[in-house]
Amino acid sequence: MLIKTRGIVLSYLKYRETSIIARVYTEQLGVQSYVVNGVRKAKPPGRIALFQPFTLLELVAYVARGSGGLTRLSEFRCAEPFQTLPYDVQKGSVVLFLSEIVGKAVREEEQNEPLFRFLHDSILAFDRQTAGSENFALGFLLQLASYLGFGIASGAELTDQVIMAGHSPVAAGSTGPATLRLREFEHYFDELLRTPVTSTIPNGRVRHELLNVLIRYYQLHVEQLGEIRSLDILSQVLN
């Protein structure tokens, strides 16, 4: 059976000589893995670009009979051509970082229209954003947590959980320097939750620390999130 759906590319792996296995978050079926034949051939050129992280696609796909099955795409095309993401190094690093987290945190093979709409609309908004893109990843992760079931209402709520779970460099309940540093971050998270456009985050170093806190928070709630390897690349670019 074939199904027509929109999809958001999360990642891909090389498969055989000219093909890939693409992991895609689809509007109708959740996370799916597809064999895509021939996209790494020299001709026609450029088809592999359609499977870069967060590319928005329209798909006609075969439906796997069981959960977790590997199937194929019958047709695919770009649904929303990007204006800036493929050409902006800073934005490209943000996309690489966020797609790694989304790929690890979102695993359900079932329809979730609100989550798909959030991802789709956020990606398009980021592509068109002309100012303030350095804080986009922080705001995105705070909003994504709500769609995944562990959203917060304040910065204090976030830091309390990180400290009490022992993910802080100091013991839970301690008032040592590391815990005090986390408390200093609470107002930045409050700003990102309420007025992200006017956030007063001073520099890339603080932004990197805030991202580390958010990753620790995600590790509390997402089983086997593991190390986010693209964070170092993003931090270098944001600095």
C-alpha atoms as a PDB file:
ATOM      1  CA  MET A   1       0.000   0.000   0.000  1.00  0.00           C
ATOM      2  CA  LEU A   2       1.133   3.527  -0.799  1.00  0.00           C
ATOM      3  CA  ILE A   3       0.549   6.619   1.315  1.00  0.00           C
ATOM      4  CA  LYS A   4       1.066  10.287   0.498  1.00  0.00           C
ATOM      5  CA  THR A   5       2.436  12.376   3.365  1.00  0.00           C
ATOM      6  CA  ARG A   6       4.660  15.287   4.263  1.00  0.00           C
ATOM      7  CA  GLY A   7       7.960  14.517   5.963  1.00  0.00           C
ATOM      8  CA  ILE A   8      10.865  16.141   7.800  1.00  0.00           C
ATOM      9  CA  VAL A   9      14.277  14.575   7.195  1.00  0.00           C
ATOM     10  CA  LEU A  10      16.124  13.736  10.424  1.00  0.00           C
ATOM     11  CA  SER A  11      19.230  11.957   9.100  1.00  0.00           C
ATOM     12  CA  TYR A  12      20.454   9.409   6.591  1.00  0.00           C
ATOM     13  CA  LEU A  13      23.001   6.607   6.275  1.00  0.00           C
ATOM     14  CA  LYS A  14      24.815   5.541   3.125  1.00  0.00           C
ATOM     15  CA  TYR A  15      23.461   2.274   1.774  1.00  0.00           C
ATOM     16  CA  ARG A  16      25.241   0.237  -0.877  1.00  0.00           C
ATOM     17  CA  GLU A  17      26.949   2.156  -3.659  1.00  0.00           C
ATOM     18  CA  THR A  18      24.444   4.852  -4.592  1.00  0.00           C
ATOM     19  CA  SER A  19      21.553   4.630  -2.140  1.00  0.00           C
ATOM     20  CA  ILE A  20      20.735   5.777   1.396  1.00  0.00           C
ATOM     21  CA  ILE A  21      18.512   4.841   4.307  1.00  0.00           C
ATOM     22  CA  ALA A  22      16.712   8.029   5.315  1.00  0.00           C
ATOM     23  CA  ARG A  23      15.098   8.541   8.697  1.00  0.00           C
ATOM     24  CA  VAL A  24      12.095  10.817   8.282  1.00  0.00           C
ATOM     25  CA  TYR A  25       9.489  12.189  10.670  1.00  0.00           C
ATOM     26  CA  THR A  26       6.262  11.912   8.688  1.00  0.00           C
ATOM     27  CA  GLU A  27       2.977  13.706   9.241  1.00  0.00           C
ATOM     28  CA  GLN A  28       0.880  10.541   9.092  1.00  0.00           C
ATOM     29  CA  LEU A  29       3.150   7.742  10.333  1.00  0.00           C
ATOM     30  CA  GLY A  30       5.593   9.346  12.761  1.00  0.00           C
ATOM     31  CA  VAL A  31       9.224   8.254  12.472  1.00  0.00           C
ATOM     32  CA  GLN A  32       9.912   6.043   9.465  1.00  0.00           C
ATOM     33  CA  SER A  33      13.039   4.692   7.761  1.00  0.00           C
ATOM     34  CA  TYR A  34      13.131   4.513   3.980  1.00  0.00           C
ATOM     35  CA  VAL A  35      15.524   3.062   1.439  1.00  0.00           C
ATOM     36  CA  VAL A  36      16.044   5.702  -1.251  1.00  0.00           C
ATOM     37  CA  ASN A  37      17.687   4.317  -4.345  1.00  0.00           C
ATOM     38  CA  GLY A  38      20.182   6.073  -6.569  1.00  0.00           C
ATOM     39  CA  VAL A  39      20.313   9.493  -4.872  1.00  0.00           C
ATOM     40  CA  ARG A  40      24.114   9.377  -4.566  1.00  0.00           C
ATOM     41  CA  LYS A  41      24.660   8.968  -8.296  1.00  0.00           C
ATOM     42  CA  ALA A  42      26.466  11.757 -10.112  1.00  0.00           C
ATOM     43  CA  LYS A  43      23.493  12.142 -12.464  1.00  0.00           C
ATOM     44  CA  PRO A  44      21.014  13.629 -11.980  1.00  0.00           C
ATOM     45  CA  PRO A  45      23.006  15.857  -9.587  1.00  0.00           C
ATOM     46  CA  GLY A  46      21.732  17.338  -6.360  1.00  0.00           C
ATOM     47  CA  ARG A  47      19.184  14.721  -5.301  1.00  0.00           C
ATOM     48  CA  ILE A  48      21.081  13.892  -2.108  1.00  0.00           C
ATOM     49  CA  ALA A  49      20.547  17.520  -1.033  1.00  0.00           C
ATOM     50  CA  LEU A  50      16.884  16.653  -0.500  1.00  0.00           C
ATOM     51  CA  PHE A  51      17.901  14.458   2.435  1.00  0.00           C
ATOM     52  CA  GLN A  52      19.903  16.949   4.453  1.00  0.00           C
ATOM     53  CA  PRO A  53      18.640  17.399   8.047  1.00  0.00           C
ATOM     54  CA  PHE A  54      15.296  19.183   8.428  1.00  0.00           C
ATOM     55  CA  THR A  55      14.554  19.289   4.688  1.00  0.00           C
ATOM     56  CA  LEU A  56      10.779  19.418   4.204  1.00  0.00           C
ATOM     57  CA  LEU A  57       9.517  16.828   1.725  1.00  0.00           C
ATOM     58  CA  GLU A  58       6.362  15.600   0.095  1.00  0.00           C
ATOM     59  CA  LEU A  59       6.476  11.811  -0.116  1.00  0.00           C
ATOM     60  CA  VAL A  60       4.685   8.887  -1.651  1.00  0.00           C
ATOM     61  CA  ALA A  61       5.842   5.949   0.443  1.00  0.00           C
ATOM     62  CA  TYR A  62       5.213   2.263   0.790  1.00  0.00           C
ATOM     63  CA  VAL A  63       3.762   1.347   4.190  1.00  0.00           C
ATOM     64  CA  ALA A  64       5.606  -1.301   6.194  1.00  0.00           C
ATOM     65  CA  ARG A  65       3.481  -4.214   7.384  1.00  0.00           C
ATOM     66  CA  GLY A  66       4.944  -4.221  10.899  1.00  0.00           C
ATOM     67  CA  SER A  67       6.325  -1.550  13.200  1.00  0.00           C
ATOM     68  CA  GLY A  68       9.964  -0.669  12.737  1.00  0.00           C
ATOM     69  CA  GLY A  69      10.075  -2.050   9.218  1.00  0.00           C
ATOM     70  CA  LEU A  70      12.277  -0.729   6.453  1.00  0.00           C
ATOM     71  CA  THR A  71      10.401   0.302   3.333  1.00  0.00           C
ATOM     72  CA  ARG A  72      10.901   2.433   0.233  1.00  0.00           C
ATOM     73  CA  LEU A  73       9.864   5.731  -1.263  1.00  0.00           C
ATOM     74  CA  SER A  74       7.939   5.686  -4.505  1.00  0.00           C
ATOM     75  CA  GLU A  75       8.177   9.461  -5.021  1.00  0.00           C
ATOM     76  CA  PHE A  76       9.709  12.427  -3.204  1.00  0.00           C
ATOM     77  CA  ARG A  77      10.153  16.126  -3.801  1.00  0.00           C
ATOM     78  CA  CYS A  78      10.997  19.270  -1.865  1.00  0.00           C
ATOM     79  CA  ALA A  79       7.851  20.715  -0.289  1.00  0.00           C
ATOM     80  CA  GLU A  80       9.227  24.074   0.913  1.00  0.00           C
ATOM     81  CA  PRO A  81      12.485  25.311  -0.677  1.00  0.00           C
ATOM     82  CA  PHE A  82      14.715  27.010   1.878  1.00  0.00           C
ATOM     83  CA  GLN A  83      15.924  30.568   1.480  1.00  0.00           C
ATOM     84  CA  THR A  84      18.846  30.621   3.952  1.00  0.00           C
ATOM     85  CA  LEU A  85      19.443  27.316   5.768  1.00  0.00           C
ATOM     86  CA  PRO A  86      21.658  25.666   3.098  1.00  0.00           C
ATOM     87  CA  TYR A  87      23.792  28.797   2.716  1.00  0.00           C
ATOM     88  CA  ASP A  88      24.230  30.134   6.260  1.00  0.00           C
ATOM     89  CA  VAL A  89      26.972  28.372   8.269  1.00  0.00           C
ATOM     90  CA  GLN A  90      25.576  29.426  11.642  1.00  0.00           C
ATOM     91  CA  LYS A  91      22.041  28.336  10.821  1.00  0.00           C
ATOM     92  CA  GLY A  92      23.334  25.103   9.307  1.00  0.00           C
ATOM     93  CA  SER A  93      25.123  24.268  12.565  1.00  0.00           C
ATOM     94  CA  VAL A  94      21.929  24.927  14.530  1.00  0.00           C
ATOM     95  CA  VAL A  95      19.995  22.609  12.203  1.00  0.00           C
ATOM     96  CA  LEU A  96      22.601  19.854  12.575  1.00  0.00           C
ATOM     97  CA  PHE A  97      22.440  20.152  16.377  1.00  0.00           C
ATOM     98  CA  LEU A  98      18.643  20.229  16.629  1.00  0.00           C
ATOM     99  CA  SER A  99      18.102  17.414  14.133  1.00  0.00           C
ATOM    100  CA  GLU A 100      20.401  15.201  16.213  1.00  0.00           C
ATOM    101  CA  ILE A 101      18.343  15.868  19.341  1.00  0.00           C
ATOM    102  CA  VAL A 102      14.998  15.463  17.566  1.00  0.00           C
ATOM    103  CA  GLY A 103      16.230  12.234  15.981  1.00  0.00           C
ATOM    104  CA  LYS A 104      17.057  10.807  19.416  1.00  0.00           C
ATOM    105  CA  ALA A 105      14.100  12.218  21.332  1.00  0.00           C
ATOM    106  CA  VAL A 106      11.285  11.543  18.844  1.00  0.00           C
ATOM    107  CA  ARG A 107      10.877   7.847  18.106  1.00  0.00           C
ATOM    108  CA  GLU A 108       7.141   7.129  17.933  1.00  0.00           C
ATOM    109  CA  GLU A 109       5.886   5.456  14.765  1.00  0.00           C
ATOM    110  CA  GLU A 110       2.477   7.046  15.001  1.00  0.00           C
ATOM    111  CA  GLN A 111       0.735  10.231  13.943  1.00  0.00           C
ATOM    112  CA  ASN A 112       1.201  13.321  16.117  1.00  0.00           C
ATOM    113  CA  GLU A 113      -0.182  16.308  14.241  1.00  0.00           C
ATOM    114  CA  PRO A 114       0.661  18.984  16.868  1.00  0.00           C
ATOM    115  CA  LEU A 115       4.310  17.854  17.038  1.00  0.00           C
ATOM    116  CA  PHE A 116       4.642  17.696  13.260  1.00  0.00           C
ATOM    117  CA  ARG A 117       3.099  21.155  12.908  1.00  0.00           C
ATOM    118  CA  PHE A 118       5.462  22.578  15.543  1.00  0.00           C
ATOM    119  CA  LEU A 119       8.543  21.112  13.834  1.00  0.00           C
ATOM    120  CA  HIS A 120       7.418  22.119  10.348  1.00  0.00           C
ATOM    121  CA  ASP A 121       6.484  25.690  11.283  1.00  0.00           C
ATOM    122  CA  SER A 122       9.581  26.209  13.449  1.00  0.00           C
ATOM    123  CA  ILE A 123      11.920  25.097  10.673  1.00  0.00           C
ATOM    124  CA  LEU A 124      10.285  27.439   8.177  1.00  0.00           C
ATOM    125  CA  ALA A 125      10.341  30.336  10.648  1.00  0.00           C
ATOM    126  CA  PHE A 126      14.039  29.748  11.328  1.00  0.00           C
ATOM    127  CA  ASP A 127      14.811  29.692   7.615  1.00  0.00           C
ATOM    128  CA  ARG A 128      13.156  33.098   7.242  1.00  0.00           C
ATOM    129  CA  GLN A 129      14.495  34.613  10.463  1.00  0.00           C
ATOM    130  CA  THR A 130      16.816  37.557   9.838  1.00  0.00           C
ATOM    131  CA  ALA A 131      17.848  38.439  13.423  1.00  0.00           C
ATOM    132  CA  GLY A 132      18.228  36.637  16.735  1.00  0.00           C
ATOM    133  CA  SER A 133      18.990  33.241  15.215  1.00  0.00           C
ATOM    134  CA  GLU A 134      21.766  32.610  17.769  1.00  0.00           C
ATOM    135  CA  ASN A 135      19.105  31.932  20.435  1.00  0.00           C
ATOM    136  CA  PHE A 136      16.818  29.844  18.241  1.00  0.00           C
ATOM    137  CA  ALA A 137      18.113  26.469  19.469  1.00  0.00           C
ATOM    138  CA  LEU A 138      17.439  27.350  23.105  1.00  0.00           C
ATOM    139  CA  GLY A 139      13.883  28.496  22.460  1.00  0.00           C
ATOM    140  CA  PHE A 140      13.208  25.521  20.183  1.00  0.00           C
ATOM    141  CA  LEU A 141      14.301  22.982  22.819  1.00  0.00           C
ATOM    142  CA  LEU A 142      12.203  24.636  25.519  1.00  0.00           C
ATOM    143  CA  GLN A 143       9.126  24.467  23.286  1.00  0.00           C
ATOM    144  CA  LEU A 144       9.862  20.951  22.045  1.00  0.00           C
ATOM    145  CA  ALA A 145       9.940  19.691  25.647  1.00  0.00           C
ATOM    146  CA  SER A 146       6.268  20.643  25.993  1.00  0.00           C
ATOM    147  CA  TYR A 147       5.315  18.561  22.941  1.00  0.00           C
ATOM    148  CA  LEU A 148       7.278  15.617  24.336  1.00  0.00           C
ATOM    149  CA  GLY A 149       5.512  15.786  27.701  1.00  0.00           C
ATOM    150  CA  PHE A 150       8.111  17.390  29.980  1.00  0.00           C
ATOM    151  CA  GLY A 151       7.708  21.106  29.399  1.00  0.00           C
ATOM    152  CA  ILE A 152       8.413  23.661  32.099  1.00  0.00           C
ATOM    153  CA  ALA A 153       6.779  26.918  33.174  1.00  0.00           C
ATOM    154  CA  SER A 154       9.856  28.650  34.598  1.00  0.00           C
ATOM    155  CA  GLY A 155      13.643  28.606  34.673  1.00  0.00           C
ATOM    156  CA  ALA A 156      13.581  27.658  38.359  1.00  0.00           C
ATOM    157  CA  GLU A 157      11.582  24.520  37.553  1.00  0.00           C
ATOM    158  CA  LEU A 158      14.210  23.455  35.022  1.00  0.00           C
ATOM    159  CA  THR A 159      17.246  24.090  37.226  1.00  0.00           C
ATOM    160  CA  ASP A 160      15.568  22.467  40.251  1.00  0.00           C
ATOM    161  CA  GLN A 161      15.153  19.225  38.308  1.00  0.00           C
ATOM    162  CA  VAL A 162      18.706  19.257  36.984  1.00  0.00           C
ATOM    163  CA  ILE A 163      20.197  19.915  40.434  1.00  0.00           C
ATOM    164  CA  MET A 164      18.001  17.447  42.328  1.00  0.00           C
ATOM    165  CA  ALA A 165      18.667  14.682  39.824  1.00  0.00           C
ATOM    166  CA  GLY A 166      22.393  15.021  40.407  1.00  0.00           C
ATOM    167  CA  HIS A 167      23.116  16.131  36.839  1.00  0.00           C
ATOM    168  CA  SER A 168      24.777  19.227  38.234  1.00  0.00           C
ATOM    169  CA  PRO A 169      28.561  19.020  38.748  1.00  0.00           C
ATOM    170  CA  VAL A 170      27.834  19.231  42.486  1.00  0.00           C
ATOM    171  CA  ALA A 171      25.733  17.040  44.729  1.00  0.00           C
ATOM    172  CA  ALA A 172      21.974  17.481  44.884  1.00  0.00           C
ATOM    173  CA  GLY A 173      20.928  20.130  47.369  1.00  0.00           C
ATOM    174  CA  SER A 174      24.378  21.706  47.518  1.00  0.00           C
ATOM    175  CA  THR A 175      24.847  25.467  47.475  1.00  0.00           C
ATOM    176  CA  GLY A 176      28.319  25.228  45.914  1.00  0.00           C
ATOM    177  CA  PRO A 177      29.571  27.325  42.982  1.00  0.00           C
ATOM    178  CA  ALA A 178      28.149  25.098  40.236  1.00  0.00           C
ATOM    179  CA  THR A 179      24.671  25.169  41.760  1.00  0.00           C
ATOM    180  CA  LEU A 180      24.832  28.922  42.214  1.00  0.00           C
ATOM    181  CA  ARG A 181      25.848  29.232  38.565  1.00  0.00           C
ATOM    182  CA  LEU A 182      22.772  27.263  37.538  1.00  0.00           C
ATOM    183  CA  ARG A 183      20.603  29.584  39.631  1.00  0.00           C
ATOM    184  CA  GLU A 184      22.064  32.525  37.730  1.00  0.00           C
ATOM    185  CA  PHE A 185      20.741  30.990  34.519  1.00  0.00           C
ATOM    186  CA  GLU A 186      17.119  30.892  35.662  1.00  0.00           C
ATOM    187  CA  HIS A 187      16.256  34.377  34.437  1.00  0.00           C
ATOM    188  CA  TYR A 188      17.672  33.595  30.983  1.00  0.00           C
ATOM    189  CA  PHE A 189      15.371  30.584  30.718  1.00  0.00           C
ATOM    190  CA  ASP A 190      12.466  32.741  31.918  1.00  0.00           C
ATOM    191  CA  GLU A 191      13.211  35.238  29.153  1.00  0.00           C
ATOM    192  CA  LEU A 192      13.394  32.490  26.530  1.00  0.00           C
ATOM    193  CA  LEU A 193      10.045  31.119  27.691  1.00  0.00           C
ATOM    194  CA  ARG A 194       8.266  34.468  27.779  1.00  0.00           C
ATOM    195  CA  THR A 195      10.024  37.006  25.547  1.00  0.00           C
ATOM    196  CA  PRO A 196      12.624  35.159  23.419  1.00  0.00           C
ATOM    197  CA  VAL A 197      13.051  38.027  20.949  1.00  0.00           C
ATOM    198  CA  THR A 198      14.378  40.362  23.675  1.00  0.00           C
ATOM    199  CA  SER A 199      16.568  37.824  25.499  1.00  0.00           C
ATOM    200  CA  THR A 200      19.609  39.372  27.224  1.00  0.00           C
ATOM    201  CA  ILE A 201      21.972  36.376  26.873  1.00  0.00           C
ATOM    202  CA  PRO A 202      25.311  38.215  26.695  1.00  0.00           C
ATOM    203  CA  ASN A 203      27.575  35.965  24.617  1.00  0.00           C
ATOM    204  CA  GLY A 204      28.314  32.587  23.098  1.00  0.00           C
ATOM    205  CA  ARG A 205      29.952  31.218  26.239  1.00  0.00           C
ATOM    206  CA  VAL A 206      26.789  31.687  28.299  1.00  0.00           C
ATOM    207  CA  ARG A 207      24.716  30.348  25.413  1.00  0.00           C
ATOM    208  CA  HIS A 208      26.873  27.201  25.385  1.00  0.00           C
ATOM    209  CA  GLU A 209      26.352  26.730  29.132  1.00  0.00           C
ATOM    210  CA  LEU A 210      22.587  27.140  28.753  1.00  0.00           C
ATOM    211  CA  LEU A 211      22.547  24.529  25.992  1.00  0.00           C
ATOM    212  CA  ASN A 212      24.475  22.147  28.245  1.00  0.00           C
ATOM    213  CA  VAL A 213      21.886  22.611  31.005  1.00  0.00           C
ATOM    214  CA  LEU A 214      19.073  21.940  28.547  1.00  0.00           C
ATOM    215  CA  ILE A 215      20.770  18.784  27.294  1.00  0.00           C
ATOM    216  CA  ARG A 216      21.117  17.577  30.876  1.00  0.00           C
ATOM    217  CA  TYR A 217      17.424  18.280  31.380  1.00  0.00           C
ATOM    218  CA  TYR A 218      16.567  16.280  28.250  1.00  0.00           C
ATOM    219  CA  GLN A 219      18.733  13.419  29.504  1.00  0.00           C
ATOM    220  CA  LEU A 220      16.496  13.230  32.575  1.00  0.00           C
ATOM    221  CA  HIS A 221      13.420  12.679  30.439  1.00  0.00           C
ATOM    222  CA  VAL A 222      14.607  10.963  27.245  1.00  0.00           C
ATOM    223  CA  GLU A 223      15.949   7.475  27.748  1.00  0.00           C
ATOM    224  CA  GLN A 224      19.310   6.842  26.084  1.00  0.00           C
ATOM    225  CA  LEU A 225      19.639  10.365  24.727  1.00  0.00           C
ATOM    226  CA  GLY A 226      23.389   9.990  25.043  1.00  0.00           C
ATOM    227  CA  GLU A 227      26.040  12.459  23.985  1.00  0.00           C
ATOM    228  CA  ILE A 228      25.058  15.176  21.513  1.00  0.00           C
ATOM    229  CA  ARG A 229      28.108  15.221  19.269  1.00  0.00           C
ATOM    230  CA  SER A 230      27.124  18.273  17.234  1.00  0.00           C
ATOM    231  CA  LEU A 231      27.058  20.565  20.306  1.00  0.00           C
ATOM    232  CA  ASP A 232      30.784  21.314  20.058  1.00  0.00           C
ATOM    233  CA  ILE A 233      30.441  22.317  16.414  1.00  0.00           C
ATOM    234  CA  LEU A 234      27.506  24.575  17.216  1.00  0.00           C
ATOM    235  CA  SER A 235      29.316  26.181  20.146  1.00  0.00           C
ATOM    236  CA  GLN A 236      32.327  27.035  17.985  1.00  0.00           C
ATOM    237  CA  VAL A 237      30.100  28.702  15.408  1.00  0.00           C
ATOM    238  CA  LEU A 238      28.027  30.632  17.955  1.00  0.00           C
ATOM    239  CA  ASN A 239      31.175  31.912  19.633  1.00  0.00           C
END
